[in-house]
Amino acid sequence: MLKANDLLIRRMHESDFYWMVKWLNDEKVLEFYEEPPSSLEMVKEKYGPRIIGNHYVIACIVEYKNQPIGYMQYYEIQEMELKKYDLIGSENIYGIDQFIGEPKLWGKGIGTSMIKMLLHYLQGKAALTVVLEVNKRNIRAINSYKKCGFIKLKKLTDEIDLMGCNL
């Protein structure tokens, strides 16, 4: 799907469920990803429909030097979320979520690179704005998002902010 230097962002396949189970059971990854630990059955149930196109979320795997290292997803923001974000009447707004599932690769600029790649891709899909939710304690992610052009749009809860980037 997208390739630059040592990074590849591709659509998720069933063979990637192993990686998702591994990553979604790593306490460092889960600290900010806001998900409970996941079994293989839970991963299949959640991500299976996304793989076969029966869900509005597009699930992707990030590879670094030909090795799966993380997850990304993108989606056109649905009406319910537009209301939640106070963006009613706005068009071509996409949401993204991502994590690097291999903590030893954190802090190396990989996250910033993969987000910039996806933003460029979404711009080609006519996205005008991209939003994401971030835990206020996840300073590393917030700094990465700022490097990609995101700014805080609003406080959603005491722990979660909405950030956005105009393309």
N, C-alpha and C. Protein backbone atom coordinates (compact mmCIF):
# COMPACT_ATOMS: atom_id res chain seq x y z
N MET A 1 0.83 -1.19 0.00
CA MET A 1 0.00 0.00 0.00
C MET A 1 0.88 1.25 0.00
N LEU A 2 1.73 1.42 1.03
CA LEU A 2 2.63 2.57 1.12
C LEU A 2 4.02 2.09 1.51
N LYS A 3 5.03 2.61 0.81
CA LYS A 3 6.40 2.20 1.12
C LYS A 3 7.32 3.40 1.02
N ALA A 4 8.19 3.54 2.02
CA ALA A 4 9.22 4.59 2.01
C ALA A 4 10.39 4.11 2.85
N ASN A 5 11.55 4.08 2.23
CA ASN A 5 12.76 3.61 2.91
C ASN A 5 12.52 2.24 3.53
N ASP A 6 12.70 2.10 4.84
CA ASP A 6 12.55 0.80 5.51
C ASP A 6 11.14 0.55 6.02
N LEU A 7 10.20 1.45 5.74
CA LEU A 7 8.84 1.33 6.24
C LEU A 7 7.87 0.90 5.15
N LEU A 8 6.97 0.00 5.52
CA LEU A 8 5.89 -0.44 4.64
C LEU A 8 4.60 -0.42 5.46
N ILE A 9 3.56 0.19 4.94
CA ILE A 9 2.23 0.13 5.53
C ILE A 9 1.37 -0.63 4.54
N ARG A 10 0.83 -1.76 4.99
CA ARG A 10 0.04 -2.61 4.11
C ARG A 10 -1.25 -3.02 4.80
N ARG A 11 -2.20 -3.49 4.02
CA ARG A 11 -3.45 -3.99 4.59
C ARG A 11 -3.18 -5.20 5.48
N MET A 12 -3.93 -5.29 6.53
CA MET A 12 -3.80 -6.41 7.46
C MET A 12 -4.36 -7.69 6.82
N HIS A 13 -3.74 -8.83 7.15
CA HIS A 13 -4.18 -10.15 6.72
C HIS A 13 -4.44 -11.02 7.95
N GLU A 14 -5.17 -12.10 7.75
CA GLU A 14 -5.41 -13.02 8.87
C GLU A 14 -4.12 -13.53 9.49
N SER A 15 -3.08 -13.67 8.69
CA SER A 15 -1.80 -14.15 9.21
C SER A 15 -1.17 -13.15 10.19
N ASP A 16 -1.69 -11.95 10.25
CA ASP A 16 -1.18 -10.93 11.17
C ASP A 16 -1.83 -11.01 12.55
N PHE A 17 -2.83 -11.85 12.72
CA PHE A 17 -3.51 -11.94 14.02
C PHE A 17 -2.52 -12.30 15.14
N TYR A 18 -1.54 -13.14 14.83
CA TYR A 18 -0.54 -13.51 15.83
C TYR A 18 0.15 -12.26 16.39
N TRP A 19 0.54 -11.36 15.47
CA TRP A 19 1.22 -10.14 15.91
C TRP A 19 0.31 -9.29 16.77
N MET A 20 -0.95 -9.17 16.39
CA MET A 20 -1.89 -8.36 17.16
C MET A 20 -2.07 -8.93 18.57
N VAL A 21 -2.17 -10.25 18.67
CA VAL A 21 -2.30 -10.86 20.00
C VAL A 21 -1.06 -10.55 20.83
N LYS A 22 0.10 -10.70 20.22
CA LYS A 22 1.36 -10.41 20.93
C LYS A 22 1.37 -8.97 21.42
N TRP A 23 1.10 -8.02 20.51
CA TRP A 23 1.17 -6.61 20.86
C TRP A 23 0.08 -6.21 21.85
N LEU A 24 -1.12 -6.76 21.69
CA LEU A 24 -2.24 -6.39 22.56
C LEU A 24 -2.21 -7.14 23.88
N ASN A 25 -1.11 -7.78 24.17
CA ASN A 25 -0.87 -8.37 25.49
C ASN A 25 0.41 -7.82 26.11
N ASP A 26 0.99 -6.83 25.49
CA ASP A 26 2.19 -6.18 26.01
C ASP A 26 1.74 -5.00 26.88
N GLU A 27 2.07 -5.03 28.16
CA GLU A 27 1.57 -3.98 29.06
C GLU A 27 2.07 -2.59 28.68
N LYS A 28 3.26 -2.49 28.09
CA LYS A 28 3.76 -1.18 27.66
C LYS A 28 2.90 -0.63 26.52
N VAL A 29 2.52 -1.50 25.59
CA VAL A 29 1.68 -1.08 24.46
C VAL A 29 0.29 -0.69 24.97
N LEU A 30 -0.25 -1.50 25.87
CA LEU A 30 -1.61 -1.27 26.36
C LEU A 30 -1.73 -0.06 27.28
N GLU A 31 -0.61 0.44 27.78
CA GLU A 31 -0.67 1.57 28.70
C GLU A 31 -1.43 2.74 28.10
N PHE A 32 -1.27 2.97 26.80
CA PHE A 32 -1.93 4.10 26.17
C PHE A 32 -2.89 3.70 25.06
N TYR A 33 -2.95 2.42 24.67
CA TYR A 33 -3.81 2.05 23.56
C TYR A 33 -5.26 1.84 23.98
N GLU A 34 -5.52 1.83 25.27
CA GLU A 34 -6.91 1.80 25.76
C GLU A 34 -7.67 0.54 25.38
N GLU A 35 -7.00 -0.59 25.34
CA GLU A 35 -7.67 -1.85 25.07
C GLU A 35 -7.32 -2.84 26.16
N PRO A 36 -8.21 -3.80 26.41
CA PRO A 36 -7.86 -4.86 27.36
C PRO A 36 -6.93 -5.86 26.67
N PRO A 37 -6.22 -6.68 27.44
CA PRO A 37 -5.45 -7.76 26.80
C PRO A 37 -6.37 -8.57 25.90
N SER A 38 -5.84 -9.09 24.80
CA SER A 38 -6.67 -9.74 23.79
C SER A 38 -6.23 -11.17 23.52
N SER A 39 -7.21 -12.04 23.37
CA SER A 39 -6.98 -13.42 22.95
C SER A 39 -7.06 -13.47 21.43
N LEU A 40 -6.67 -14.60 20.86
CA LEU A 40 -6.78 -14.77 19.42
C LEU A 40 -8.24 -14.63 18.96
N GLU A 41 -9.16 -15.17 19.74
CA GLU A 41 -10.58 -15.08 19.38
C GLU A 41 -11.05 -13.62 19.37
N MET A 42 -10.61 -12.83 20.35
CA MET A 42 -10.99 -11.42 20.42
C MET A 42 -10.43 -10.64 19.22
N VAL A 43 -9.20 -10.94 18.86
CA VAL A 43 -8.57 -10.27 17.72
C VAL A 43 -9.31 -10.63 16.44
N LYS A 44 -9.63 -11.91 16.25
CA LYS A 44 -10.37 -12.33 15.05
C LYS A 44 -11.72 -11.64 14.98
N GLU A 45 -12.43 -11.56 16.11
CA GLU A 45 -13.75 -10.96 16.13
C GLU A 45 -13.70 -9.47 15.78
N LYS A 46 -12.70 -8.75 16.34
CA LYS A 46 -12.62 -7.31 16.10
C LYS A 46 -12.05 -6.98 14.73
N TYR A 47 -10.96 -7.62 14.35
CA TYR A 47 -10.24 -7.22 13.15
C TYR A 47 -10.63 -8.02 11.90
N GLY A 48 -11.24 -9.17 12.08
CA GLY A 48 -11.68 -9.98 10.94
C GLY A 48 -12.58 -9.23 9.97
N PRO A 49 -13.65 -8.59 10.47
CA PRO A 49 -14.52 -7.83 9.56
C PRO A 49 -13.79 -6.68 8.84
N ARG A 50 -12.79 -6.12 9.48
CA ARG A 50 -12.04 -5.03 8.85
C ARG A 50 -11.20 -5.56 7.70
N ILE A 51 -10.69 -6.76 7.84
CA ILE A 51 -9.85 -7.36 6.81
C ILE A 51 -10.66 -7.67 5.55
N ILE A 52 -11.88 -8.18 5.75
CA ILE A 52 -12.67 -8.59 4.59
C ILE A 52 -13.55 -7.47 4.03
N GLY A 53 -13.45 -6.27 4.60
CA GLY A 53 -14.19 -5.14 4.06
C GLY A 53 -15.60 -4.98 4.58
N ASN A 54 -15.93 -5.64 5.69
CA ASN A 54 -17.26 -5.54 6.28
C ASN A 54 -17.32 -4.52 7.42
N HIS A 55 -16.42 -3.58 7.42
CA HIS A 55 -16.36 -2.55 8.46
C HIS A 55 -15.79 -1.30 7.82
N TYR A 56 -16.16 -0.15 8.34
CA TYR A 56 -15.68 1.11 7.75
C TYR A 56 -14.22 1.41 8.08
N VAL A 57 -13.66 0.73 9.07
CA VAL A 57 -12.26 0.94 9.45
C VAL A 57 -11.36 0.08 8.56
N ILE A 58 -10.30 0.69 8.04
CA ILE A 58 -9.31 -0.02 7.23
C ILE A 58 -8.12 -0.34 8.12
N ALA A 59 -7.87 -1.63 8.34
CA ALA A 59 -6.82 -2.10 9.24
C ALA A 59 -5.53 -2.35 8.46
N CYS A 60 -4.42 -1.86 9.01
CA CYS A 60 -3.11 -1.98 8.34
C CYS A 60 -2.05 -2.46 9.33
N ILE A 61 -1.06 -3.09 8.79
CA ILE A 61 0.12 -3.50 9.55
C ILE A 61 1.30 -2.66 9.05
N VAL A 62 2.13 -2.25 9.99
CA VAL A 62 3.34 -1.50 9.65
C VAL A 62 4.53 -2.45 9.76
N GLU A 63 5.33 -2.48 8.72
CA GLU A 63 6.55 -3.27 8.73
C GLU A 63 7.75 -2.33 8.70
N TYR A 64 8.77 -2.71 9.44
CA TYR A 64 10.03 -1.99 9.43
C TYR A 64 11.12 -2.99 9.14
N LYS A 65 11.86 -2.75 8.08
CA LYS A 65 12.89 -3.69 7.62
C LYS A 65 12.32 -5.10 7.46
N ASN A 66 11.15 -5.16 6.81
CA ASN A 66 10.45 -6.41 6.47
C ASN A 66 9.94 -7.20 7.66
N GLN A 67 9.82 -6.56 8.82
CA GLN A 67 9.33 -7.22 10.03
C GLN A 67 8.11 -6.45 10.55
N PRO A 68 6.97 -7.13 10.80
CA PRO A 68 5.82 -6.43 11.38
C PRO A 68 6.19 -5.82 12.73
N ILE A 69 5.86 -4.53 12.88
CA ILE A 69 6.20 -3.84 14.13
C ILE A 69 5.03 -3.09 14.74
N GLY A 70 3.93 -2.94 14.00
CA GLY A 70 2.85 -2.15 14.56
C GLY A 70 1.59 -2.17 13.73
N TYR A 71 0.63 -1.43 14.21
CA TYR A 71 -0.71 -1.39 13.65
C TYR A 71 -1.11 0.06 13.37
N MET A 72 -1.82 0.25 12.26
CA MET A 72 -2.44 1.54 11.94
C MET A 72 -3.82 1.26 11.37
N GLN A 73 -4.72 2.20 11.61
CA GLN A 73 -6.02 2.11 10.96
C GLN A 73 -6.47 3.52 10.58
N TYR A 74 -7.27 3.57 9.53
CA TYR A 74 -7.84 4.84 9.13
C TYR A 74 -9.28 4.62 8.72
N TYR A 75 -10.05 5.69 8.78
CA TYR A 75 -11.49 5.57 8.51
C TYR A 75 -12.07 6.97 8.33
N GLU A 76 -13.12 7.03 7.53
CA GLU A 76 -13.86 8.27 7.42
C GLU A 76 -14.69 8.41 8.70
N ILE A 77 -14.61 9.59 9.32
CA ILE A 77 -15.30 9.81 10.59
C ILE A 77 -16.81 9.67 10.38
N GLN A 78 -17.43 8.87 11.23
CA GLN A 78 -18.86 8.61 11.14
C GLN A 78 -19.65 9.73 11.83
N GLU A 79 -20.93 9.83 11.51
CA GLU A 79 -21.77 10.93 11.99
C GLU A 79 -21.78 11.03 13.52
N MET A 80 -21.82 9.90 14.20
CA MET A 80 -21.84 9.91 15.67
C MET A 80 -20.57 10.57 16.23
N GLU A 81 -19.43 10.25 15.60
CA GLU A 81 -18.18 10.85 16.05
C GLU A 81 -18.10 12.33 15.66
N LEU A 82 -18.66 12.70 14.50
CA LEU A 82 -18.69 14.11 14.13
C LEU A 82 -19.40 14.93 15.20
N LYS A 83 -20.49 14.38 15.74
CA LYS A 83 -21.22 15.06 16.82
C LYS A 83 -20.36 15.14 18.07
N LYS A 84 -19.76 14.02 18.43
CA LYS A 84 -18.90 13.96 19.63
C LYS A 84 -17.76 14.97 19.54
N TYR A 85 -17.22 15.16 18.35
CA TYR A 85 -16.08 16.04 18.15
C TYR A 85 -16.49 17.48 17.81
N ASP A 86 -17.80 17.77 17.76
CA ASP A 86 -18.31 19.09 17.36
C ASP A 86 -17.85 19.47 15.95
N LEU A 87 -17.94 18.52 15.04
CA LEU A 87 -17.51 18.74 13.66
C LEU A 87 -18.66 18.53 12.66
N ILE A 88 -19.89 18.65 13.14
CA ILE A 88 -21.05 18.48 12.26
C ILE A 88 -20.96 19.50 11.12
N GLY A 89 -21.25 19.05 9.92
CA GLY A 89 -21.21 19.90 8.75
C GLY A 89 -19.85 19.88 8.06
N SER A 90 -18.87 19.29 8.71
CA SER A 90 -17.55 19.19 8.10
C SER A 90 -17.52 17.99 7.17
N GLU A 91 -16.68 18.07 6.15
CA GLU A 91 -16.60 16.99 5.18
C GLU A 91 -15.18 16.48 5.05
N ASN A 92 -15.08 15.26 4.57
CA ASN A 92 -13.79 14.63 4.28
C ASN A 92 -12.86 14.62 5.50
N ILE A 93 -13.42 14.22 6.64
CA ILE A 93 -12.64 14.11 7.86
C ILE A 93 -12.38 12.64 8.12
N TYR A 94 -11.12 12.32 8.30
CA TYR A 94 -10.71 10.95 8.58
C TYR A 94 -10.14 10.86 9.98
N GLY A 95 -10.23 9.68 10.54
CA GLY A 95 -9.61 9.39 11.83
C GLY A 95 -8.51 8.37 11.63
N ILE A 96 -7.52 8.44 12.48
CA ILE A 96 -6.44 7.44 12.47
C ILE A 96 -6.15 7.00 13.90
N ASP A 97 -5.65 5.80 14.01
CA ASP A 97 -5.17 5.24 15.27
C ASP A 97 -3.96 4.40 14.93
N GLN A 98 -3.01 4.35 15.82
CA GLN A 98 -1.80 3.59 15.53
C GLN A 98 -1.03 3.29 16.81
N PHE A 99 -0.20 2.27 16.71
CA PHE A 99 0.77 2.01 17.76
C PHE A 99 1.93 1.22 17.17
N ILE A 100 3.07 1.38 17.79
CA ILE A 100 4.21 0.52 17.49
C ILE A 100 4.19 -0.54 18.57
N GLY A 101 4.07 -1.79 18.15
CA GLY A 101 3.92 -2.90 19.08
C GLY A 101 5.23 -3.44 19.64
N GLU A 102 6.34 -2.92 19.17
CA GLU A 102 7.67 -3.35 19.62
C GLU A 102 8.31 -2.19 20.38
N PRO A 103 8.18 -2.18 21.70
CA PRO A 103 8.68 -1.04 22.50
C PRO A 103 10.16 -0.71 22.28
N LYS A 104 10.96 -1.68 21.88
CA LYS A 104 12.39 -1.39 21.65
C LYS A 104 12.58 -0.42 20.47
N LEU A 105 11.54 -0.25 19.65
CA LEU A 105 11.61 0.66 18.50
C LEU A 105 11.01 2.04 18.79
N TRP A 106 10.54 2.24 20.01
CA TRP A 106 9.98 3.54 20.37
C TRP A 106 11.10 4.58 20.45
N GLY A 107 10.77 5.81 20.15
CA GLY A 107 11.72 6.90 20.29
C GLY A 107 12.74 7.00 19.17
N LYS A 108 12.50 6.33 18.06
CA LYS A 108 13.44 6.33 16.94
C LYS A 108 12.91 7.07 15.71
N GLY A 109 11.75 7.74 15.85
CA GLY A 109 11.19 8.49 14.73
C GLY A 109 10.33 7.66 13.79
N ILE A 110 10.18 6.37 14.08
CA ILE A 110 9.40 5.49 13.20
C ILE A 110 7.93 5.88 13.22
N GLY A 111 7.39 6.17 14.40
CA GLY A 111 5.99 6.55 14.51
C GLY A 111 5.68 7.81 13.72
N THR A 112 6.55 8.81 13.83
CA THR A 112 6.36 10.05 13.08
C THR A 112 6.39 9.77 11.58
N SER A 113 7.32 8.95 11.15
CA SER A 113 7.42 8.62 9.71
C SER A 113 6.18 7.91 9.21
N MET A 114 5.68 6.93 9.99
CA MET A 114 4.51 6.19 9.51
C MET A 114 3.26 7.07 9.48
N ILE A 115 3.14 7.99 10.43
CA ILE A 115 1.99 8.90 10.43
C ILE A 115 2.07 9.84 9.23
N LYS A 116 3.24 10.38 8.95
CA LYS A 116 3.39 11.26 7.79
C LYS A 116 3.06 10.53 6.50
N MET A 117 3.46 9.26 6.40
CA MET A 117 3.14 8.47 5.21
C MET A 117 1.63 8.33 5.05
N LEU A 118 0.94 8.01 6.15
CA LEU A 118 -0.50 7.82 6.08
C LEU A 118 -1.22 9.14 5.79
N LEU A 119 -0.75 10.24 6.36
CA LEU A 119 -1.36 11.54 6.07
C LEU A 119 -1.25 11.87 4.59
N HIS A 120 -0.09 11.61 4.00
CA HIS A 120 0.10 11.86 2.56
C HIS A 120 -0.88 10.99 1.75
N TYR A 121 -1.03 9.74 2.15
CA TYR A 121 -1.96 8.83 1.47
C TYR A 121 -3.39 9.35 1.58
N LEU A 122 -3.80 9.77 2.78
CA LEU A 122 -5.17 10.25 2.98
C LEU A 122 -5.43 11.55 2.22
N GLN A 123 -4.42 12.36 2.07
CA GLN A 123 -4.57 13.58 1.28
C GLN A 123 -4.93 13.21 -0.16
N GLY A 124 -4.35 12.14 -0.66
CA GLY A 124 -4.68 11.65 -1.99
C GLY A 124 -6.08 11.08 -2.09
N LYS A 125 -6.68 10.74 -0.96
CA LYS A 125 -8.06 10.25 -0.93
C LYS A 125 -9.04 11.40 -0.67
N ALA A 126 -8.55 12.65 -0.80
CA ALA A 126 -9.36 13.86 -0.64
C ALA A 126 -9.70 14.18 0.81
N ALA A 127 -8.99 13.60 1.76
CA ALA A 127 -9.19 13.98 3.16
C ALA A 127 -8.76 15.43 3.32
N LEU A 128 -9.57 16.19 4.05
CA LEU A 128 -9.23 17.59 4.33
C LEU A 128 -8.66 17.75 5.73
N THR A 129 -9.16 16.93 6.64
CA THR A 129 -8.73 16.97 8.04
C THR A 129 -8.59 15.54 8.55
N VAL A 130 -7.60 15.32 9.40
CA VAL A 130 -7.42 14.03 10.07
C VAL A 130 -7.41 14.30 11.56
N VAL A 131 -8.17 13.48 12.30
CA VAL A 131 -8.25 13.63 13.75
C VAL A 131 -7.84 12.33 14.43
N LEU A 132 -7.46 12.47 15.69
CA LEU A 132 -7.15 11.30 16.50
C LEU A 132 -7.37 11.65 17.96
N GLU A 133 -7.63 10.63 18.76
CA GLU A 133 -7.74 10.78 20.19
C GLU A 133 -6.43 10.35 20.82
N VAL A 134 -5.98 11.09 21.83
CA VAL A 134 -4.72 10.75 22.48
C VAL A 134 -4.85 10.91 23.99
N ASN A 135 -4.25 9.98 24.71
CA ASN A 135 -4.18 10.06 26.16
C ASN A 135 -3.21 11.19 26.52
N LYS A 136 -3.64 12.09 27.38
CA LYS A 136 -2.83 13.26 27.74
C LYS A 136 -1.50 12.89 28.36
N ARG A 137 -1.41 11.69 28.93
CA ARG A 137 -0.16 11.24 29.56
C ARG A 137 0.83 10.68 28.53
N ASN A 138 0.39 10.46 27.31
CA ASN A 138 1.24 9.86 26.29
C ASN A 138 2.05 10.95 25.58
N ILE A 139 3.00 11.51 26.31
CA ILE A 139 3.79 12.64 25.83
C ILE A 139 4.57 12.29 24.56
N ARG A 140 5.10 11.08 24.50
CA ARG A 140 5.87 10.67 23.32
C ARG A 140 4.98 10.73 22.06
N ALA A 141 3.77 10.21 22.16
CA ALA A 141 2.85 10.25 21.01
C ALA A 141 2.44 11.68 20.68
N ILE A 142 2.14 12.47 21.67
CA ILE A 142 1.73 13.86 21.44
C ILE A 142 2.84 14.61 20.71
N ASN A 143 4.07 14.42 21.13
CA ASN A 143 5.19 15.08 20.45
C ASN A 143 5.31 14.63 19.00
N SER A 144 5.09 13.35 18.76
CA SER A 144 5.13 12.83 17.39
C SER A 144 4.00 13.45 16.56
N TYR A 145 2.80 13.51 17.12
CA TYR A 145 1.67 14.09 16.40
C TYR A 145 1.93 15.56 16.06
N LYS A 146 2.52 16.30 17.01
CA LYS A 146 2.83 17.71 16.74
C LYS A 146 3.83 17.84 15.59
N LYS A 147 4.80 16.93 15.52
CA LYS A 147 5.77 16.96 14.41
C LYS A 147 5.08 16.74 13.06
N CYS A 148 3.94 16.07 13.10
CA CYS A 148 3.18 15.78 11.88
C CYS A 148 2.15 16.85 11.56
N GLY A 149 2.07 17.88 12.39
CA GLY A 149 1.15 18.98 12.13
C GLY A 149 -0.14 18.96 12.93
N PHE A 150 -0.29 18.04 13.87
CA PHE A 150 -1.51 17.98 14.68
C PHE A 150 -1.47 19.03 15.78
N ILE A 151 -2.65 19.55 16.09
CA ILE A 151 -2.81 20.47 17.23
C ILE A 151 -4.00 19.97 18.06
N LYS A 152 -4.02 20.37 19.32
CA LYS A 152 -5.15 20.01 20.18
C LYS A 152 -6.39 20.78 19.73
N LEU A 153 -7.48 20.04 19.50
CA LEU A 153 -8.74 20.65 19.10
C LEU A 153 -9.68 20.83 20.28
N LYS A 154 -9.72 19.82 21.15
CA LYS A 154 -10.60 19.92 22.31
C LYS A 154 -10.31 18.82 23.31
N LYS A 155 -10.74 19.07 24.52
CA LYS A 155 -10.67 18.07 25.59
C LYS A 155 -11.92 17.20 25.47
N LEU A 156 -11.72 15.87 25.38
CA LEU A 156 -12.85 14.96 25.30
C LEU A 156 -13.24 14.45 26.68
N THR A 157 -12.23 14.10 27.48
CA THR A 157 -12.43 13.66 28.86
C THR A 157 -11.24 14.19 29.67
N ASP A 158 -11.22 13.87 30.95
CA ASP A 158 -10.09 14.29 31.77
C ASP A 158 -8.78 13.66 31.30
N GLU A 159 -8.87 12.52 30.60
CA GLU A 159 -7.67 11.81 30.16
C GLU A 159 -7.40 11.89 28.67
N ILE A 160 -8.41 12.21 27.87
CA ILE A 160 -8.29 12.12 26.41
C ILE A 160 -8.54 13.48 25.75
N ASP A 161 -7.63 13.84 24.85
CA ASP A 161 -7.78 15.03 24.01
C ASP A 161 -8.01 14.61 22.57
N LEU A 162 -8.68 15.47 21.83
CA LEU A 162 -8.83 15.31 20.38
C LEU A 162 -7.79 16.21 19.72
N MET A 163 -7.01 15.64 18.84
CA MET A 163 -6.03 16.42 18.04
C MET A 163 -6.43 16.33 16.58
N GLY A 164 -6.09 17.36 15.82
CA GLY A 164 -6.43 17.37 14.41
C GLY A 164 -5.35 18.00 13.58
N CYS A 165 -5.36 17.65 12.30
CA CYS A 165 -4.38 18.15 11.34
C CYS A 165 -5.11 18.44 10.04
N ASN A 166 -4.98 19.67 9.54
CA ASN A 166 -5.55 20.01 8.24
C ASN A 166 -4.55 19.63 7.15
N LEU A 167 -5.05 18.99 6.10
CA LEU A 167 -4.17 18.57 5.01
C LEU A 167 -4.22 19.55 3.86
